[in-house]
PDB file of all heavy atoms in Angstrom:
ATOM      1  N   TYR A   1     -86.141  79.322 -46.700  1.00  0.00           N
ATOM      2  CA  TYR A   1     -87.354  79.870 -45.974  1.00  0.00           C
ATOM      3  C   TYR A   1     -88.265  78.826 -45.571  1.00  0.00           C
ATOM      4  O   TYR A   1     -88.397  77.757 -46.235  1.00  0.00           O
ATOM      5  CB  TYR A   1     -88.106  80.847 -46.870  1.00  0.00           C
ATOM      6  CG  TYR A   1     -87.202  82.042 -47.255  1.00  0.00           C
ATOM      7  CD1 TYR A   1     -86.437  81.996 -48.440  1.00  0.00           C
ATOM      8  CD2 TYR A   1     -87.177  83.222 -46.533  1.00  0.00           C
ATOM      9  CE1 TYR A   1     -85.590  83.089 -48.785  1.00  0.00           C
ATOM     10  CE2 TYR A   1     -86.418  84.298 -46.780  1.00  0.00           C
ATOM     11  CZ  TYR A   1     -85.595  84.235 -47.932  1.00  0.00           C
ATOM     12  OH  TYR A   1     -84.818  85.280 -48.224  1.00  0.00           O
ATOM     13  N   ARG A   2     -88.930  79.014 -44.456  1.00  0.00           N
ATOM     14  CA  ARG A   2     -89.933  78.147 -43.876  1.00  0.00           C
ATOM     15  C   ARG A   2     -91.172  79.009 -43.355  1.00  0.00           C
ATOM     16  O   ARG A   2     -90.941  80.151 -43.131  1.00  0.00           O
ATOM     17  CB  ARG A   2     -89.382  77.228 -42.754  1.00  0.00           C
ATOM     18  CG  ARG A   2     -88.985  78.079 -41.524  1.00  0.00           C
ATOM     19  CD  ARG A   2     -88.633  77.148 -40.351  1.00  0.00           C
ATOM     20  NE  ARG A   2     -88.168  77.805 -39.257  1.00  0.00           N
ATOM     21  CZ  ARG A   2     -88.954  78.449 -38.377  1.00  0.00           C
ATOM     22  NH1 ARG A   2     -90.286  78.460 -38.532  1.00  0.00           N
ATOM     23  NH2 ARG A   2     -88.461  79.065 -37.312  1.00  0.00           N
ATOM     24  N   PRO A   3     -92.258  78.369 -43.379  1.00  0.00           N
ATOM     25  CA  PRO A   3     -93.383  79.116 -42.896  1.00  0.00           C
ATOM     26  C   PRO A   3     -93.346  79.391 -41.451  1.00  0.00           C
ATOM     27  O   PRO A   3     -93.002  78.511 -40.654  1.00  0.00           O
ATOM     28  CB  PRO A   3     -94.554  78.279 -43.238  1.00  0.00           C
ATOM     29  CG  PRO A   3     -94.109  76.970 -43.495  1.00  0.00           C
ATOM     30  CD  PRO A   3     -92.657  76.989 -43.838  1.00  0.00           C
ATOM     31  N   GLY A   4     -93.723  80.610 -41.007  1.00  0.00           N
ATOM     32  CA  GLY A   4     -93.891  80.951 -39.570  1.00  0.00           C
ATOM     33  C   GLY A   4     -95.253  81.229 -39.306  1.00  0.00           C
ATOM     34  O   GLY A   4     -96.145  81.238 -40.090  1.00  0.00           O
ATOM     35  N   ARG A   5     -95.544  81.607 -37.994  1.00  0.00           N
ATOM     36  CA  ARG A   5     -96.915  82.089 -37.572  1.00  0.00           C
ATOM     37  C   ARG A   5     -97.395  83.186 -38.246  1.00  0.00           C
ATOM     38  O   ARG A   5     -98.609  83.340 -38.482  1.00  0.00           O
ATOM     39  CB  ARG A   5     -96.903  82.240 -36.052  1.00  0.00           C
ATOM     40  CG  ARG A   5     -96.825  81.008 -35.295  1.00  0.00           C
ATOM     41  CD  ARG A   5     -96.937  81.280 -33.830  1.00  0.00           C
ATOM     42  NE  ARG A   5     -98.332  81.025 -33.539  1.00  0.00           N
ATOM     43  CZ  ARG A   5     -98.867  81.131 -32.218  1.00  0.00           C
ATOM     44  NH1 ARG A   5     -98.011  81.561 -31.316  1.00  0.00           N
ATOM     45  NH2 ARG A   5    -100.045  80.932 -32.009  1.00  0.00           N
ATOM     46  N   SER A   6     -96.449  84.259 -38.532  1.00  0.00           N
ATOM     47  CA  SER A   6     -96.924  85.416 -39.137  1.00  0.00           C
ATOM     48  C   SER A   6     -96.206  85.887 -40.350  1.00  0.00           C
ATOM     49  O   SER A   6     -96.239  86.966 -40.844  1.00  0.00           O
ATOM     50  CB  SER A   6     -96.855  86.554 -38.204  1.00  0.00           C
ATOM     51  OG  SER A   6     -95.583  86.771 -37.737  1.00  0.00           O
ATOM     52  N   GLY A   7     -95.611  84.873 -41.055  1.00  0.00           N
ATOM     53  CA  GLY A   7     -94.756  85.081 -42.337  1.00  0.00           C
ATOM     54  C   GLY A   7     -93.716  84.101 -42.588  1.00  0.00           C
ATOM     55  O   GLY A   7     -93.649  83.105 -41.865  1.00  0.00           O
ATOM     56  N   LEU A   8     -92.888  84.375 -43.515  1.00  0.00           N
ATOM     57  CA  LEU A   8     -91.728  83.487 -43.731  1.00  0.00           C
ATOM     58  C   LEU A   8     -90.587  83.679 -42.830  1.00  0.00           C
ATOM     59  O   LEU A   8     -90.361  84.856 -42.548  1.00  0.00           O
ATOM     60  CB  LEU A   8     -91.355  83.654 -45.275  1.00  0.00           C
ATOM     61  CG  LEU A   8     -92.308  83.326 -46.256  1.00  0.00           C
ATOM     62  CD1 LEU A   8     -91.784  83.681 -47.682  1.00  0.00           C
ATOM     63  CD2 LEU A   8     -92.605  81.734 -46.203  1.00  0.00           C
ATOM     64  N   VAL A   9     -89.910  82.751 -42.500  1.00  0.00           N
ATOM     65  CA  VAL A   9     -88.777  82.810 -41.576  1.00  0.00           C
ATOM     66  C   VAL A   9     -87.500  82.277 -42.447  1.00  0.00           C
ATOM     67  O   VAL A   9     -87.512  81.186 -42.802  1.00  0.00           O
ATOM     68  CB  VAL A   9     -88.963  81.904 -40.399  1.00  0.00           C
ATOM     69  CG1 VAL A   9     -87.711  81.846 -39.507  1.00  0.00           C
ATOM     70  CG2 VAL A   9     -90.070  82.312 -39.576  1.00  0.00           C
ATOM     71  N   PRO A  10     -86.510  83.232 -42.568  1.00  0.00           N
ATOM     72  CA  PRO A  10     -85.305  82.791 -43.288  1.00  0.00           C
ATOM     73  C   PRO A  10     -84.384  81.943 -42.307  1.00  0.00           C
ATOM     74  O   PRO A  10     -84.319  82.139 -41.119  1.00  0.00           O
ATOM     75  CB  PRO A  10     -84.663  84.073 -43.638  1.00  0.00           C
ATOM     76  CG  PRO A  10     -85.161  85.068 -42.675  1.00  0.00           C
ATOM     77  CD  PRO A  10     -86.520  84.654 -42.255  1.00  0.00           C
ATOM     78  N   TYR A  11     -83.662  80.950 -42.985  1.00  0.00           N
ATOM     79  CA  TYR A  11     -82.783  80.167 -42.166  1.00  0.00           C
ATOM     80  C   TYR A  11     -81.653  79.657 -43.005  1.00  0.00           C
ATOM     81  O   TYR A  11     -81.851  79.568 -44.232  1.00  0.00           O
ATOM     82  CB  TYR A  11     -83.481  79.051 -41.419  1.00  0.00           C
ATOM     83  CG  TYR A  11     -83.983  77.942 -42.408  1.00  0.00           C
ATOM     84  CD1 TYR A  11     -83.108  76.823 -42.561  1.00  0.00           C
ATOM     85  CD2 TYR A  11     -85.188  78.009 -42.946  1.00  0.00           C
ATOM     86  CE1 TYR A  11     -83.552  75.756 -43.439  1.00  0.00           C
ATOM     87  CE2 TYR A  11     -85.567  76.946 -43.852  1.00  0.00           C
ATOM     88  CZ  TYR A  11     -84.715  75.837 -43.984  1.00  0.00           C
ATOM     89  OH  TYR A  11     -85.180  74.904 -44.888  1.00  0.00           O
ATOM     90  N   HIS A  12     -80.546  79.256 -42.355  1.00  0.00           N
ATOM     91  CA  HIS A  12     -79.455  78.626 -43.023  1.00  0.00           C
ATOM     92  C   HIS A  12     -79.287  77.150 -42.478  1.00  0.00           C
ATOM     93  O   HIS A  12     -79.316  76.970 -41.431  1.00  0.00           O
ATOM     94  CB  HIS A  12     -78.124  79.428 -42.826  1.00  0.00           C
ATOM     95  CG  HIS A  12     -78.066  80.741 -43.479  1.00  0.00           C
ATOM     96  ND1 HIS A  12     -77.826  80.927 -44.813  1.00  0.00           N
ATOM     97  CD2 HIS A  12     -78.266  82.001 -43.048  1.00  0.00           C
ATOM     98  CE1 HIS A  12     -77.858  82.068 -45.147  1.00  0.00           C
ATOM     99  NE2 HIS A  12     -78.124  82.830 -44.038  1.00  0.00           N
ATOM    100  N   SER A  13     -79.177  76.236 -43.458  1.00  0.00           N
ATOM    101  CA  SER A  13     -78.944  74.884 -43.053  1.00  0.00           C
ATOM    102  C   SER A  13     -77.523  74.498 -43.112  1.00  0.00           C
ATOM    103  O   SER A  13     -76.830  74.883 -44.071  1.00  0.00           O
ATOM    104  CB  SER A  13     -79.827  74.039 -44.067  1.00  0.00           C
ATOM    105  OG  SER A  13     -79.734  72.659 -43.676  1.00  0.00           O
ATOM    106  N   MET A  14     -77.036  73.857 -42.009  1.00  0.00           N
ATOM    107  CA  MET A  14     -75.617  73.438 -42.071  1.00  0.00           C
ATOM    108  C   MET A  14     -75.498  72.189 -41.167  1.00  0.00           C
ATOM    109  O   MET A  14     -76.292  71.922 -40.339  1.00  0.00           O
ATOM    110  CB  MET A  14     -74.738  74.531 -41.510  1.00  0.00           C
ATOM    111  CG  MET A  14     -75.022  74.962 -40.105  1.00  0.00           C
ATOM    112  SD  MET A  14     -74.177  76.482 -39.605  1.00  0.00           S
ATOM    113  CE  MET A  14     -72.506  76.019 -39.757  1.00  0.00           C
ATOM    114  N   SER A  15     -74.410  71.482 -41.410  1.00  0.00           N
ATOM    115  CA  SER A  15     -74.112  70.188 -40.699  1.00  0.00           C
ATOM    116  C   SER A  15     -73.300  70.560 -39.554  1.00  0.00           C
ATOM    117  O   SER A  15     -72.161  70.915 -39.681  1.00  0.00           O
ATOM    118  CB  SER A  15     -73.462  69.162 -41.479  1.00  0.00           C
ATOM    119  OG  SER A  15     -73.068  68.088 -40.803  1.00  0.00           O
ATOM    120  N   LEU A  16     -73.864  70.558 -38.322  1.00  0.00           N
ATOM    121  CA  LEU A  16     -73.104  70.898 -37.052  1.00  0.00           C
ATOM    122  C   LEU A  16     -72.029  69.955 -36.801  1.00  0.00           C
ATOM    123  O   LEU A  16     -70.939  70.296 -36.266  1.00  0.00           O
ATOM    124  CB  LEU A  16     -74.025  71.142 -35.969  1.00  0.00           C
ATOM    125  CG  LEU A  16     -74.952  72.287 -36.002  1.00  0.00           C
ATOM    126  CD1 LEU A  16     -75.899  72.356 -34.835  1.00  0.00           C
ATOM    127  CD2 LEU A  16     -74.218  73.635 -36.092  1.00  0.00           C
ATOM    128  N   GLY A  17     -72.158  68.634 -37.132  1.00  0.00           N
ATOM    129  CA  GLY A  17     -71.227  67.696 -36.770  1.00  0.00           C
ATOM    130  C   GLY A  17     -69.820  67.809 -37.475  1.00  0.00           C
ATOM    131  O   GLY A  17     -68.797  67.381 -37.016  1.00  0.00           O
ATOM    132  N   GLN A  18     -69.785  68.614 -38.539  1.00  0.00           N
ATOM    133  CA  GLN A  18     -68.593  68.733 -39.272  1.00  0.00           C
ATOM    134  C   GLN A  18     -67.982  70.249 -39.157  1.00  0.00           C
ATOM    135  O   GLN A  18     -67.227  70.691 -39.864  1.00  0.00           O
ATOM    136  CB  GLN A  18     -68.773  68.387 -40.675  1.00  0.00           C
ATOM    137  CG  GLN A  18     -69.286  67.066 -40.998  1.00  0.00           C
ATOM    138  CD  GLN A  18     -68.398  65.948 -40.498  1.00  0.00           C
ATOM    139  OE1 GLN A  18     -67.081  65.984 -40.788  1.00  0.00           O
ATOM    140  NE2 GLN A  18     -68.882  64.948 -39.887  1.00  0.00           N
ATOM    141  N   THR A  19     -68.573  70.963 -38.254  1.00  0.00           N
ATOM    142  CA  THR A  19     -68.312  72.394 -38.077  1.00  0.00           C
ATOM    143  C   THR A  19     -67.213  72.630 -37.068  1.00  0.00           C
ATOM    144  O   THR A  19     -67.477  72.301 -35.942  1.00  0.00           O
ATOM    145  CB  THR A  19     -69.620  73.287 -37.704  1.00  0.00           C
ATOM    146  OG1 THR A  19     -70.539  72.896 -38.743  1.00  0.00           O
ATOM    147  CG2 THR A  19     -69.381  74.664 -37.725  1.00  0.00           C
ATOM    148  N   PRO A  20     -66.083  73.275 -37.422  1.00  0.00           N
ATOM    149  CA  PRO A  20     -65.173  73.681 -36.352  1.00  0.00           C
ATOM    150  C   PRO A  20     -65.559  74.782 -35.320  1.00  0.00           C
ATOM    151  O   PRO A  20     -66.517  75.525 -35.802  1.00  0.00           O
ATOM    152  CB  PRO A  20     -63.918  74.046 -37.099  1.00  0.00           C
ATOM    153  CG  PRO A  20     -64.521  74.476 -38.483  1.00  0.00           C
ATOM    154  CD  PRO A  20     -65.715  73.753 -38.671  1.00  0.00           C
ATOM    155  N   ASP A  21     -65.075  74.824 -34.133  1.00  0.00           N
ATOM    156  CA  ASP A  21     -65.535  75.802 -33.216  1.00  0.00           C
ATOM    157  C   ASP A  21     -65.444  77.163 -33.814  1.00  0.00           C
ATOM    158  O   ASP A  21     -66.259  78.031 -33.608  1.00  0.00           O
ATOM    159  CB  ASP A  21     -64.613  75.754 -31.970  1.00  0.00           C
ATOM    160  CG  ASP A  21     -65.095  74.851 -30.966  1.00  0.00           C
ATOM    161  OD1 ASP A  21     -66.210  74.357 -31.031  1.00  0.00           O
ATOM    162  OD2 ASP A  21     -64.312  74.605 -29.938  1.00  0.00           O
ATOM    163  N   SER A  22     -64.466  77.511 -34.595  1.00  0.00           N
ATOM    164  CA  SER A  22     -64.285  78.839 -35.212  1.00  0.00           C
ATOM    165  C   SER A  22     -65.188  79.222 -36.212  1.00  0.00           C
ATOM    166  O   SER A  22     -65.255  80.445 -36.572  1.00  0.00           O
ATOM    167  CB  SER A  22     -62.809  78.923 -35.699  1.00  0.00           C
ATOM    168  OG  SER A  22     -62.637  78.050 -36.785  1.00  0.00           O
ATOM    169  N   ALA A  23     -65.980  78.304 -36.756  1.00  0.00           N
ATOM    170  CA  ALA A  23     -66.880  78.599 -37.815  1.00  0.00           C
ATOM    171  C   ALA A  23     -68.209  79.284 -37.317  1.00  0.00           C
ATOM    172  O   ALA A  23     -68.892  80.037 -38.175  1.00  0.00           O
ATOM    173  CB  ALA A  23     -67.301  77.343 -38.571  1.00  0.00           C
ATOM    174  N   ILE A  24     -68.495  79.173 -36.114  1.00  0.00           N
ATOM    175  CA  ILE A  24     -69.658  79.877 -35.544  1.00  0.00           C
ATOM    176  C   ILE A  24     -69.323  80.689 -34.426  1.00  0.00           C
ATOM    177  O   ILE A  24     -68.784  80.343 -33.270  1.00  0.00           O
ATOM    178  CB  ILE A  24     -70.762  78.806 -35.005  1.00  0.00           C
ATOM    179  CG1 ILE A  24     -71.196  77.911 -36.190  1.00  0.00           C
ATOM    180  CG2 ILE A  24     -71.910  79.512 -34.398  1.00  0.00           C
ATOM    181  CD1 ILE A  24     -72.110  76.765 -35.724  1.00  0.00           C
ATOM    182  N   SER A  25     -69.450  82.054 -34.648  1.00  0.00           N
ATOM    183  CA  SER A  25     -68.901  82.899 -33.575  1.00  0.00           C
ATOM    184  C   SER A  25     -69.927  83.171 -32.556  1.00  0.00           C
ATOM    185  O   SER A  25     -69.583  83.616 -31.340  1.00  0.00           O
ATOM    186  CB  SER A  25     -68.407  84.270 -34.259  1.00  0.00           C
ATOM    187  OG  SER A  25     -69.551  84.865 -34.838  1.00  0.00           O
ATOM    188  N   GLY A  26     -71.162  83.025 -32.817  1.00  0.00           N
ATOM    189  CA  GLY A  26     -72.246  83.215 -31.771  1.00  0.00           C
ATOM    190  C   GLY A  26     -73.525  82.895 -32.378  1.00  0.00           C
ATOM    191  O   GLY A  26     -73.713  82.789 -33.548  1.00  0.00           O
ATOM    192  N   VAL A  27     -74.563  82.615 -31.454  1.00  0.00           N
ATOM    193  CA  VAL A  27     -75.955  82.323 -31.887  1.00  0.00           C
ATOM    194  C   VAL A  27     -76.808  83.287 -30.974  1.00  0.00           C
ATOM    195  O   VAL A  27     -76.742  83.362 -29.838  1.00  0.00           O
ATOM    196  CB  VAL A  27     -76.308  80.850 -31.440  1.00  0.00           C
ATOM    197  CG1 VAL A  27     -77.739  80.558 -31.739  1.00  0.00           C
ATOM    198  CG2 VAL A  27     -75.404  79.816 -32.281  1.00  0.00           C
ATOM    199  N   VAL A  28     -77.828  83.832 -31.713  1.00  0.00           N
ATOM    200  CA  VAL A  28     -78.828  84.780 -30.979  1.00  0.00           C
ATOM    201  C   VAL A  28     -80.094  83.956 -31.067  1.00  0.00           C
ATOM    202  O   VAL A  28     -80.579  83.680 -32.210  1.00  0.00           O
ATOM    203  CB  VAL A  28     -78.850  86.004 -31.707  1.00  0.00           C
ATOM    204  CG1 VAL A  28     -79.960  86.931 -31.050  1.00  0.00           C
ATOM    205  CG2 VAL A  28     -77.585  86.848 -31.661  1.00  0.00           C
ATOM    206  N   VAL A  29     -80.621  83.629 -30.022  1.00  0.00           N
ATOM    207  CA  VAL A  29     -81.905  82.945 -29.884  1.00  0.00           C
ATOM    208  C   VAL A  29     -83.092  84.003 -29.983  1.00  0.00           C
ATOM    209  O   VAL A  29     -83.076  84.921 -29.354  1.00  0.00           O
ATOM    210  CB  VAL A  29     -82.047  82.190 -28.550  1.00  0.00           C
ATOM    211  CG1 VAL A  29     -83.384  81.560 -28.494  1.00  0.00           C
ATOM    212  CG2 VAL A  29     -80.981  81.218 -28.452  1.00  0.00           C
ATOM    213  N   GLY A  30     -83.856  83.746 -31.052  1.00  0.00           N
ATOM    214  CA  GLY A  30     -84.913  84.765 -31.334  1.00  0.00           C
ATOM    215  C   GLY A  30     -85.917  84.810 -30.223  1.00  0.00           C
ATOM    216  O   GLY A  30     -85.988  83.949 -29.441  1.00  0.00           O
ATOM    217  N   PRO A  31     -86.855  85.794 -30.357  1.00  0.00           N
ATOM    218  CA  PRO A  31     -87.880  85.996 -29.391  1.00  0.00           C
ATOM    219  C   PRO A  31     -88.787  84.700 -29.371  1.00  0.00           C
ATOM    220  O   PRO A  31     -89.178  84.388 -30.355  1.00  0.00           O
ATOM    221  CB  PRO A  31     -88.565  87.224 -29.726  1.00  0.00           C
ATOM    222  CG  PRO A  31     -88.039  87.666 -31.001  1.00  0.00           C
ATOM    223  CD  PRO A  31     -86.862  86.857 -31.309  1.00  0.00           C
ATOM    224  N   ASN A  32     -89.185  84.326 -28.201  1.00  0.00           N
ATOM    225  CA  ASN A  32     -90.123  83.184 -27.961  1.00  0.00           C
ATOM    226  C   ASN A  32     -90.574  83.175 -26.618  1.00  0.00           C
ATOM    227  O   ASN A  32     -90.007  83.957 -25.747  1.00  0.00           O
ATOM    228  CB  ASN A  32     -89.507  81.843 -28.440  1.00  0.00           C
ATOM    229  CG  ASN A  32     -88.489  81.378 -27.539  1.00  0.00           C
ATOM    230  OD1 ASN A  32     -88.731  80.928 -26.463  1.00  0.00           O
ATOM    231  ND2 ASN A  32     -87.136  81.412 -28.016  1.00  0.00           N
ATOM    232  N   PRO A  33     -91.642  82.529 -26.219  1.00  0.00           N
ATOM    233  CA  PRO A  33     -92.194  82.540 -24.881  1.00  0.00           C
ATOM    234  C   PRO A  33     -91.405  81.848 -23.862  1.00  0.00           C
ATOM    235  O   PRO A  33     -91.560  82.093 -22.660  1.00  0.00           O
ATOM    236  CB  PRO A  33     -93.606  81.884 -25.063  1.00  0.00           C
ATOM    237  CG  PRO A  33     -93.399  80.964 -26.226  1.00  0.00           C
ATOM    238  CD  PRO A  33     -92.468  81.634 -27.154  1.00  0.00           C
ATOM    239  N   HIS A  34     -90.308  81.133 -24.212  1.00  0.00           N
ATOM    240  CA  HIS A  34     -89.528  80.322 -23.225  1.00  0.00           C
ATOM    241  C   HIS A  34     -88.069  80.568 -23.542  1.00  0.00           C
ATOM    242  O   HIS A  34     -87.263  79.628 -23.919  1.00  0.00           O
ATOM    243  CB  HIS A  34     -89.913  78.919 -23.204  1.00  0.00           C
ATOM    244  CG  HIS A  34     -91.217  78.565 -23.085  1.00  0.00           C
ATOM    245  ND1 HIS A  34     -91.967  78.811 -21.839  1.00  0.00           N
ATOM    246  CD2 HIS A  34     -92.266  78.176 -23.930  1.00  0.00           C
ATOM    247  CE1 HIS A  34     -93.221  78.530 -22.030  1.00  0.00           C
ATOM    248  NE2 HIS A  34     -93.506  78.266 -23.217  1.00  0.00           N
ATOM    249  N   THR A  35     -87.627  81.795 -23.557  1.00  0.00           N
ATOM    250  CA  THR A  35     -86.251  82.129 -23.970  1.00  0.00           C
ATOM    251  C   THR A  35     -85.090  81.448 -23.233  1.00  0.00           C
ATOM    252  O   THR A  35     -84.212  80.914 -23.809  1.00  0.00           O
ATOM    253  CB  THR A  35     -86.005  83.657 -23.949  1.00  0.00           C
ATOM    254  OG1 THR A  35     -87.057  84.326 -24.691  1.00  0.00           O
ATOM    255  CG2 THR A  35     -84.702  84.037 -24.516  1.00  0.00           C
ATOM    256  N   ASP A  36     -85.295  81.331 -21.893  1.00  0.00           N
ATOM    257  CA  ASP A  36     -84.135  80.695 -21.093  1.00  0.00           C
ATOM    258  C   ASP A  36     -84.053  79.153 -21.461  1.00  0.00           C
ATOM    259  O   ASP A  36     -83.068  78.697 -21.585  1.00  0.00           O
ATOM    260  CB  ASP A  36     -84.572  80.727 -19.600  1.00  0.00           C
ATOM    261  CG  ASP A  36     -84.395  82.190 -19.085  1.00  0.00           C
ATOM    262  OD1 ASP A  36     -83.653  82.891 -19.702  1.00  0.00           O
ATOM    263  OD2 ASP A  36     -84.976  82.534 -18.068  1.00  0.00           O
TER     264      ASP A  36
END
């Protein structure tokens, strides 16, 4: 967990450099003012 503007934000830490393509099926970018 890390502090956010209005509460705690849960997250998972991982080393991307050692991650095979099949390990991450998708990423959803959370709401923010500059989504694109």
